[in-house]
PDB file of N, CA and C in Angstrom:
ATOM      1  N   UNK A   1      83.250  74.723  82.011  1.00  0.00           N
ATOM      2  CA  UNK A   1      83.810  76.702  81.130  1.00  0.00           C
ATOM      3  C   UNK A   1      85.023  76.511  80.646  1.00  0.00           C
ATOM      4  N   UNK A   2      85.134  76.489  79.277  1.00  0.00           N
ATOM      5  CA  UNK A   2      86.135  77.077  78.756  1.00  0.00           C
ATOM      6  C   UNK A   2      86.781  78.697  78.614  1.00  0.00           C
ATOM      7  N   UNK A   3      87.533  78.397  79.407  1.00  0.00           N
ATOM      8  CA  UNK A   3      88.226  80.156  78.934  1.00  0.00           C
ATOM      9  C   UNK A   3      89.298  80.667  77.768  1.00  0.00           C
ATOM     10  N   UNK A   4      89.196  81.181  77.110  1.00  0.00           N
ATOM     11  CA  UNK A   4      90.204  81.844  76.240  1.00  0.00           C
ATOM     12  C   UNK A   4      90.378  82.735  76.892  1.00  0.00           C
ATOM     13  N   UNK A   5      91.653  83.228  77.453  1.00  0.00           N
ATOM     14  CA  UNK A   5      92.493  84.548  78.064  1.00  0.00           C
ATOM     15  C   UNK A   5      93.882  84.921  77.380  1.00  0.00           C
ATOM     16  N   UNK A   6      93.661  86.402  76.582  1.00  0.00           N
ATOM     17  CA  UNK A   6      94.550  86.550  75.875  1.00  0.00           C
ATOM     18  C   UNK A   6      94.403  87.999  76.694  1.00  0.00           C
ATOM     19  N   UNK A   7      95.596  88.645  76.619  1.00  0.00           N
ATOM     20  CA  UNK A   7      96.542  90.318  76.932  1.00  0.00           C
ATOM     21  C   UNK A   7      97.349  90.118  76.004  1.00  0.00           C
ATOM     22  N   UNK A   8      96.908  91.825  75.809  1.00  0.00           N
ATOM     23  CA  UNK A   8      97.140  92.435  74.153  1.00  0.00           C
ATOM     24  C   UNK A   8      98.208  93.019  74.120  1.00  0.00           C
ATOM     25  N   UNK A   9      98.334  93.602  75.552  1.00  0.00           N
ATOM     26  CA  UNK A   9      99.088  94.857  76.369  1.00  0.00           C
ATOM     27  C   UNK A   9      98.878  95.313  78.095  1.00  0.00           C
ATOM     28  N   UNK A  10      99.662  95.538  78.576  1.00  0.00           N
ATOM     29  CA  UNK A  10      99.857  95.246  80.162  1.00  0.00           C
ATOM     30  C   UNK A  10     101.135  96.943  80.037  1.00  0.00           C
ATOM     31  N   UNK A  11      99.984  97.829  80.405  1.00  0.00           N
ATOM     32  CA  UNK A  11     101.504  99.578  80.319  1.00  0.00           C
ATOM     33  C   UNK A  11     101.317  99.396  82.015  1.00  0.00           C
ATOM     34  N   UNK A  12     102.726  99.412  81.938  1.00  0.00           N
ATOM     35  CA  UNK A  12     103.251  99.367  83.697  1.00  0.00           C
ATOM     36  C   UNK A  12     104.116 100.655  83.460  1.00  0.00           C
ATOM     37  N   UNK A  13     103.497 101.542  84.269  1.00  0.00           N
ATOM     38  CA  UNK A  13     104.296 102.980  84.842  1.00  0.00           C
ATOM     39  C   UNK A  13     105.137 102.918  85.715  1.00  0.00           C
ATOM     40  N   UNK A  14     106.514 103.733  85.028  1.00  0.00           N
ATOM     41  CA  UNK A  14     107.148 103.029  86.748  1.00  0.00           C
ATOM     42  C   UNK A  14     107.918 102.240  87.418  1.00  0.00           C
ATOM     43  N   UNK A  15     107.902 100.691  86.393  1.00  0.00           N
ATOM     44  CA  UNK A  15     107.878 100.015  86.973  1.00  0.00           C
ATOM     45  C   UNK A  15     109.334  99.795  87.045  1.00  0.00           C
ATOM     46  N   UNK A  16     109.945  99.882  88.055  1.00  0.00           N
ATOM     47  CA  UNK A  16     111.288  99.511  88.579  1.00  0.00           C
ATOM     48  C   UNK A  16     112.211  98.160  88.213  1.00  0.00           C
ATOM     49  N   UNK A  17     111.955  97.837  86.748  1.00  0.00           N
ATOM     50  CA  UNK A  17     112.846  95.938  86.449  1.00  0.00           C
ATOM     51  C   UNK A  17     113.598  96.570  85.186  1.00  0.00           C
ATOM     52  N   UNK A  18     114.651  96.556  84.480  1.00  0.00           N
ATOM     53  CA  UNK A  18     114.885  96.068  83.643  1.00  0.00           C
ATOM     54  C   UNK A  18     114.619  95.564  82.610  1.00  0.00           C
ATOM     55  N   UNK A  19     115.599  95.750  81.639  1.00  0.00           N
ATOM     56  CA  UNK A  19     114.897  95.090  80.172  1.00  0.00           C
ATOM     57  C   UNK A  19     115.441  93.315  80.101  1.00  0.00           C
ATOM     58  N   UNK A  20     115.922  93.200  81.151  1.00  0.00           N
ATOM     59  CA  UNK A  20     116.741  91.588  81.313  1.00  0.00           C
ATOM     60  C   UNK A  20     116.117  90.817  82.378  1.00  0.00           C
ATOM     61  N   UNK A  21     115.177  91.519  82.990  1.00  0.00           N
ATOM     62  CA  UNK A  21     114.440  91.202  84.035  1.00  0.00           C
ATOM     63  C   UNK A  21     112.809  90.848  82.729  1.00  0.00           C
ATOM     64  N   UNK A  22     112.334  91.282  82.311  1.00  0.00           N
ATOM     65  CA  UNK A  22     110.863  91.738  81.546  1.00  0.00           C
ATOM     66  C   UNK A  22     110.876  89.894  81.612  1.00  0.00           C
ATOM     67  N   UNK A  23     111.590  89.024  80.917  1.00  0.00           N
ATOM     68  CA  UNK A  23     110.822  87.706  80.790  1.00  0.00           C
ATOM     69  C   UNK A  23     110.007  86.722  81.387  1.00  0.00           C
ATOM     70  N   UNK A  24     111.412  86.767  82.979  1.00  0.00           N
ATOM     71  CA  UNK A  24     110.976  85.819  84.196  1.00  0.00           C
ATOM     72  C   UNK A  24     109.383  87.106  84.646  1.00  0.00           C
ATOM     73  N   UNK A  25     109.779  88.310  84.878  1.00  0.00           N
ATOM     74  CA  UNK A  25     108.653  89.158  85.999  1.00  0.00           C
ATOM     75  C   UNK A  25     107.304  88.056  84.383  1.00  0.00           C
ATOM     76  N   UNK A  26     106.936  88.412  82.903  1.00  0.00           N
ATOM     77  CA  UNK A  26     105.833  87.464  82.543  1.00  0.00           C
ATOM     78  C   UNK A  26     105.290  86.178  82.941  1.00  0.00           C
ATOM     79  N   UNK A  27     106.844  85.641  82.564  1.00  0.00           N
ATOM     80  CA  UNK A  27     106.568  83.835  82.976  1.00  0.00           C
ATOM     81  C   UNK A  27     105.794  83.981  84.753  1.00  0.00           C
ATOM     82  N   UNK A  28     106.532  84.890  85.409  1.00  0.00           N
ATOM     83  CA  UNK A  28     105.449  84.449  87.047  1.00  0.00           C
ATOM     84  C   UNK A  28     104.343  85.122  86.748  1.00  0.00           C
ATOM     85  N   UNK A  29     104.444  86.194  85.926  1.00  0.00           N
ATOM     86  CA  UNK A  29     103.099  86.841  85.595  1.00  0.00           C
ATOM     87  C   UNK A  29     101.562  85.583  84.662  1.00  0.00           C
ATOM     88  N   UNK A  30     102.299  85.270  84.028  1.00  0.00           N
ATOM     89  CA  UNK A  30     101.071  84.432  82.886  1.00  0.00           C
ATOM     90  C   UNK A  30     101.225  82.571  83.764  1.00  0.00           C
ATOM     91  N   UNK A  31     101.474  82.728  85.013  1.00  0.00           N
ATOM     92  CA  UNK A  31     101.719  81.048  85.468  1.00  0.00           C
ATOM     93  C   UNK A  31     101.278  82.087  86.423  1.00  0.00           C
ATOM     94  N   UNK A  32     100.894  83.063  87.071  1.00  0.00           N
ATOM     95  CA  UNK A  32     100.279  83.007  88.287  1.00  0.00           C
ATOM     96  C   UNK A  32      98.675  83.585  87.931  1.00  0.00           C
ATOM     97  N   UNK A  33      98.604  84.307  86.821  1.00  0.00           N
ATOM     98  CA  UNK A  33      97.121  84.389  86.239  1.00  0.00           C
ATOM     99  C   UNK A  33      96.622  82.653  86.131  1.00  0.00           C
ATOM    100  N   UNK A  34      97.052  81.485  85.581  1.00  0.00           N
ATOM    101  CA  UNK A  34      96.381  80.595  85.245  1.00  0.00           C
ATOM    102  C   UNK A  34      96.327  79.949  86.086  1.00  0.00           C
ATOM    103  N   UNK A  35      97.341  79.756  87.292  1.00  0.00           N
ATOM    104  CA  UNK A  35      96.531  79.215  88.972  1.00  0.00           C
ATOM    105  C   UNK A  35      95.665  79.907  89.330  1.00  0.00           C
ATOM    106  N   UNK A  36      95.645  81.492  89.356  1.00  0.00           N
ATOM    107  CA  UNK A  36      94.388  82.105  89.619  1.00  0.00           C
ATOM    108  C   UNK A  36      93.296  81.446  88.989  1.00  0.00           C
ATOM    109  N   UNK A  37      93.489  81.289  87.452  1.00  0.00           N
ATOM    110  CA  UNK A  37      91.709  81.348  87.179  1.00  0.00           C
ATOM    111  C   UNK A  37      91.092  79.439  87.333  1.00  0.00           C
ATOM    112  N   UNK A  38      92.819  79.140  87.188  1.00  0.00           N
ATOM    113  CA  UNK A  38      92.164  77.556  87.615  1.00  0.00           C
ATOM    114  C   UNK A  38      91.690  77.008  88.841  1.00  0.00           C
ATOM    115  N   UNK A  39      91.590  78.038  89.352  1.00  0.00           N
ATOM    116  CA  UNK A  39      90.850  78.289  90.992  1.00  0.00           C
ATOM    117  C   UNK A  39      89.063  78.142  91.600  1.00  0.00           C
ATOM    118  N   UNK A  40      89.158  79.480  90.160  1.00  0.00           N
ATOM    119  CA  UNK A  40      87.136  79.189  89.881  1.00  0.00           C
ATOM    120  C   UNK A  40      87.044  80.360  91.168  1.00  0.00           C
ATOM    121  N   UNK A  41      85.959  81.144  90.694  1.00  0.00           N
ATOM    122  CA  UNK A  41      85.353  81.814  90.990  1.00  0.00           C
ATOM    123  C   UNK A  41      85.170  82.844  90.180  1.00  0.00           C
ATOM    124  N   UNK A  42      85.900  83.008  89.003  1.00  0.00           N
ATOM    125  CA  UNK A  42      85.420  83.896  87.897  1.00  0.00           C
ATOM    126  C   UNK A  42      84.132  84.163  87.508  1.00  0.00           C
ATOM    127  N   UNK A  43      83.453  82.927  87.256  1.00  0.00           N
ATOM    128  CA  UNK A  43      82.446  82.912  86.520  1.00  0.00           C
ATOM    129  C   UNK A  43      81.060  83.310  85.692  1.00  0.00           C
ATOM    130  N   UNK A  44      80.636  84.990  86.765  1.00  0.00           N
ATOM    131  CA  UNK A  44      79.581  85.547  86.833  1.00  0.00           C
ATOM    132  C   UNK A  44      80.586  86.435  86.325  1.00  0.00           C
ATOM    133  N   UNK A  45      82.233  87.130  85.977  1.00  0.00           N
ATOM    134  CA  UNK A  45      82.593  87.776  85.745  1.00  0.00           C
ATOM    135  C   UNK A  45      83.268  87.948  84.081  1.00  0.00           C
ATOM    136  N   UNK A  46      83.150  86.039  84.125  1.00  0.00           N
ATOM    137  CA  UNK A  46      84.281  86.661  82.468  1.00  0.00           C
ATOM    138  C   UNK A  46      82.393  85.553  81.623  1.00  0.00           C
ATOM    139  N   UNK A  47      81.363  86.238  82.168  1.00  0.00           N
ATOM    140  CA  UNK A  47      80.136  85.914  81.726  1.00  0.00           C
ATOM    141  C   UNK A  47      79.781  86.677  80.322  1.00  0.00           C
ATOM    142  N   UNK A  48      80.745  87.634  80.457  1.00  0.00           N
ATOM    143  CA  UNK A  48      80.207  89.136  79.537  1.00  0.00           C
ATOM    144  C   UNK A  48      81.092  88.570  78.890  1.00  0.00           C
ATOM    145  N   UNK A  49      81.874  88.044  78.490  1.00  0.00           N
ATOM    146  CA  UNK A  49      82.116  88.288  77.489  1.00  0.00           C
ATOM    147  C   UNK A  49      83.703  88.882  76.990  1.00  0.00           C
ATOM    148  N   UNK A  50      84.210  89.466  76.258  1.00  0.00           N
ATOM    149  CA  UNK A  50      85.330  90.580  75.616  1.00  0.00           C
ATOM    150  C   UNK A  50      85.351  91.650  76.146  1.00  0.00           C
ATOM    151  N   UNK A  51      86.785  91.611  77.084  1.00  0.00           N
ATOM    152  CA  UNK A  51      86.939  93.176  77.761  1.00  0.00           C
ATOM    153  C   UNK A  51      87.879  93.401  77.402  1.00  0.00           C
ATOM    154  N   UNK A  52      88.328  94.693  76.862  1.00  0.00           N
ATOM    155  CA  UNK A  52      88.109  96.026  76.098  1.00  0.00           C
ATOM    156  C   UNK A  52      89.282  96.188  76.437  1.00  0.00           C
ATOM    157  N   UNK A  53      88.672  96.556  78.142  1.00  0.00           N
ATOM    158  CA  UNK A  53      89.617  96.957  78.694  1.00  0.00           C
ATOM    159  C   UNK A  53      89.705  97.283  80.270  1.00  0.00           C
ATOM    160  N   UNK A  54      90.374  97.243  81.477  1.00  0.00           N
ATOM    161  CA  UNK A  54      90.535  97.134  82.391  1.00  0.00           C
ATOM    162  C   UNK A  54      91.684  98.347  83.475  1.00  0.00           C
ATOM    163  N   UNK A  55      90.786  98.566  83.879  1.00  0.00           N
ATOM    164  CA  UNK A  55      91.656  99.210  84.997  1.00  0.00           C
ATOM    165  C   UNK A  55      91.588  98.494  86.517  1.00  0.00           C
ATOM    166  N   UNK A  56      93.310  98.391  87.146  1.00  0.00           N
ATOM    167  CA  UNK A  56      92.884  98.256  88.572  1.00  0.00           C
ATOM    168  C   UNK A  56      93.742  99.593  89.337  1.00  0.00           C
ATOM    169  N   UNK A  57      93.818  98.528  90.369  1.00  0.00           N
ATOM    170  CA  UNK A  57      93.733  99.181  91.396  1.00  0.00           C
ATOM    171  C   UNK A  57      95.833  99.357  91.707  1.00  0.00           C
ATOM    172  N   UNK A  58      96.212 100.887  92.102  1.00  0.00           N
ATOM    173  CA  UNK A  58      97.468 101.080  92.057  1.00  0.00           C
ATOM    174  C   UNK A  58      98.152  99.847  92.719  1.00  0.00           C
ATOM    175  N   UNK A  59      99.238  99.211  92.434  1.00  0.00           N
ATOM    176  CA  UNK A  59     100.623  99.054  93.307  1.00  0.00           C
ATOM    177  C   UNK A  59     101.534  99.536  93.609  1.00  0.00           C
ATOM    178  N   UNK A  60     101.983  99.203  95.146  1.00  0.00           N
ATOM    179  CA  UNK A  60     102.729  99.337  95.699  1.00  0.00           C
ATOM    180  C   UNK A  60     103.945  98.463  95.450  1.00  0.00           C
ATOM    181  N   UNK A  61     104.964  99.226  95.029  1.00  0.00           N
ATOM    182  CA  UNK A  61     106.260  98.329  94.422  1.00  0.00           C
ATOM    183  C   UNK A  61     107.989  98.798  95.712  1.00  0.00           C
ATOM    184  N   UNK A  62     108.506  97.627  96.562  1.00  0.00           N
ATOM    185  CA  UNK A  62     109.969  97.964  96.792  1.00  0.00           C
ATOM    186  C   UNK A  62     110.415  97.957  95.929  1.00  0.00           C
ATOM    187  N   UNK A  63     111.778  99.309  95.549  1.00  0.00           N
ATOM    188  CA  UNK A  63     112.844  99.272  94.935  1.00  0.00           C
ATOM    189  C   UNK A  63     113.801  97.253  94.990  1.00  0.00           C
ATOM    190  N   UNK A  64     114.328  96.676  94.568  1.00  0.00           N
ATOM    191  CA  UNK A  64     114.695  95.755  94.454  1.00  0.00           C
ATOM    192  C   UNK A  64     113.791  94.196  94.112  1.00  0.00           C
ATOM    193  N   UNK A  65     112.174  94.524  94.466  1.00  0.00           N
ATOM    194  CA  UNK A  65     111.830  93.659  94.436  1.00  0.00           C
ATOM    195  C   UNK A  65     112.009  92.330  92.914  1.00  0.00           C
ATOM    196  N   UNK A  66     112.268  91.300  93.933  1.00  0.00           N
ATOM    197  CA  UNK A  66     112.564  90.826  92.598  1.00  0.00           C
ATOM    198  C   UNK A  66     111.298  90.243  91.508  1.00  0.00           C
ATOM    199  N   UNK A  67     111.852  90.955  90.323  1.00  0.00           N
ATOM    200  CA  UNK A  67     110.930  90.189  88.892  1.00  0.00           C
ATOM    201  C   UNK A  67     109.755  89.280  89.490  1.00  0.00           C
ATOM    202  N   UNK A  68     110.294  87.859  89.561  1.00  0.00           N
ATOM    203  CA  UNK A  68     109.387  87.091  90.140  1.00  0.00           C
ATOM    204  C   UNK A  68     108.144  87.143  90.929  1.00  0.00           C
ATOM    205  N   UNK A  69     108.184  88.238  91.688  1.00  0.00           N
ATOM    206  CA  UNK A  69     107.215  88.361  93.097  1.00  0.00           C
ATOM    207  C   UNK A  69     106.785  89.779  91.768  1.00  0.00           C
ATOM    208  N   UNK A  70     107.088  90.737  91.207  1.00  0.00           N
ATOM    209  CA  UNK A  70     106.202  90.952  90.660  1.00  0.00           C
ATOM    210  C   UNK A  70     105.188  90.653  90.181  1.00  0.00           C
ATOM    211  N   UNK A  71     105.893  89.596  89.469  1.00  0.00           N
ATOM    212  CA  UNK A  71     104.572  89.507  88.602  1.00  0.00           C
ATOM    213  C   UNK A  71     103.375  88.532  88.967  1.00  0.00           C
ATOM    214  N   UNK A  72     103.678  88.331  89.908  1.00  0.00           N
ATOM    215  CA  UNK A  72     102.661  87.356  91.194  1.00  0.00           C
ATOM    216  C   UNK A  72     102.165  88.419  91.298  1.00  0.00           C
ATOM    217  N   UNK A  73     102.569  89.852  92.430  1.00  0.00           N
ATOM    218  CA  UNK A  73     101.472  90.941  92.383  1.00  0.00           C
ATOM    219  C   UNK A  73     100.790  91.749  91.699  1.00  0.00           C
ATOM    220  N   UNK A  74     101.456  91.538  90.214  1.00  0.00           N
ATOM    221  CA  UNK A  74     100.393  92.175  89.116  1.00  0.00           C
ATOM    222  C   UNK A  74      99.451  91.408  88.891  1.00  0.00           C
ATOM    223  N   UNK A  75      99.945  90.120  88.736  1.00  0.00           N
ATOM    224  CA  UNK A  75      98.877  88.945  88.231  1.00  0.00           C
ATOM    225  C   UNK A  75      97.486  88.591  89.675  1.00  0.00           C
ATOM    226  N   UNK A  76      98.068  89.032  91.069  1.00  0.00           N
ATOM    227  CA  UNK A  76      96.946  89.288  91.743  1.00  0.00           C
ATOM    228  C   UNK A  76      96.060  90.218  91.497  1.00  0.00           C
ATOM    229  N   UNK A  77      96.662  91.462  91.703  1.00  0.00           N
ATOM    230  CA  UNK A  77      96.243  92.850  91.337  1.00  0.00           C
ATOM    231  C   UNK A  77      95.020  92.720  89.878  1.00  0.00           C
ATOM    232  N   UNK A  78      95.714  92.361  88.909  1.00  0.00           N
ATOM    233  CA  UNK A  78      94.804  91.955  87.478  1.00  0.00           C
ATOM    234  C   UNK A  78      93.508  90.561  87.847  1.00  0.00           C
ATOM    235  N   UNK A  79      94.058  89.125  88.578  1.00  0.00           N
ATOM    236  CA  UNK A  79      92.682  88.758  88.799  1.00  0.00           C
ATOM    237  C   UNK A  79      91.487  89.593  89.847  1.00  0.00           C
ATOM    238  N   UNK A  80      92.073  90.449  90.765  1.00  0.00           N
ATOM    239  CA  UNK A  80      90.991  90.712  91.781  1.00  0.00           C
ATOM    240  C   UNK A  80      90.057  91.427  91.525  1.00  0.00           C
ATOM    241  N   UNK A  81      90.878  93.121  89.945  1.00  0.00           N
ATOM    242  CA  UNK A  81      90.114  93.561  89.257  1.00  0.00           C
ATOM    243  C   UNK A  81      89.067  93.103  88.738  1.00  0.00           C
ATOM    244  N   UNK A  82      89.024  91.777  87.665  1.00  0.00           N
ATOM    245  CA  UNK A  82      88.005  90.341  87.341  1.00  0.00           C
ATOM    246  C   UNK A  82      87.358  89.825  87.949  1.00  0.00           C
ATOM    247  N   UNK A  83      87.782  89.653  89.237  1.00  0.00           N
ATOM    248  CA  UNK A  83      86.534  88.874  90.467  1.00  0.00           C
ATOM    249  C   UNK A  83      85.281  90.190  90.906  1.00  0.00           C
ATOM    250  N   UNK A  84      86.428  91.304  90.524  1.00  0.00           N
ATOM    251  CA  UNK A  84      85.029  92.311  90.848  1.00  0.00           C
ATOM    252  C   UNK A  84      84.189  93.046  89.834  1.00  0.00           C
ATOM    253  N   UNK A  85      84.644  93.176  88.581  1.00  0.00           N
ATOM    254  CA  UNK A  85      84.225  93.415  87.611  1.00  0.00           C
ATOM    255  C   UNK A  85      82.252  93.032  87.425  1.00  0.00           C
TER     256      UNK A  85
END
């Protein structure tokens, strides 16, 4: 199966991260999403085609969490929501 995955916008309210750390967060988020999608198990979830909006469970983040770890946590949450779609 060939999957094209595009995220137009992610809204993260209350994210404890400064602007200069955002590229690191984005890179970790992208890498973790790709890694999880490559593991499989999403066939039925992705079979419906276009997904215009998705809500996830709230995340609990400790102040001072590294941007890379934050990106992985967010990706894990997004992929978890995809699996249960």
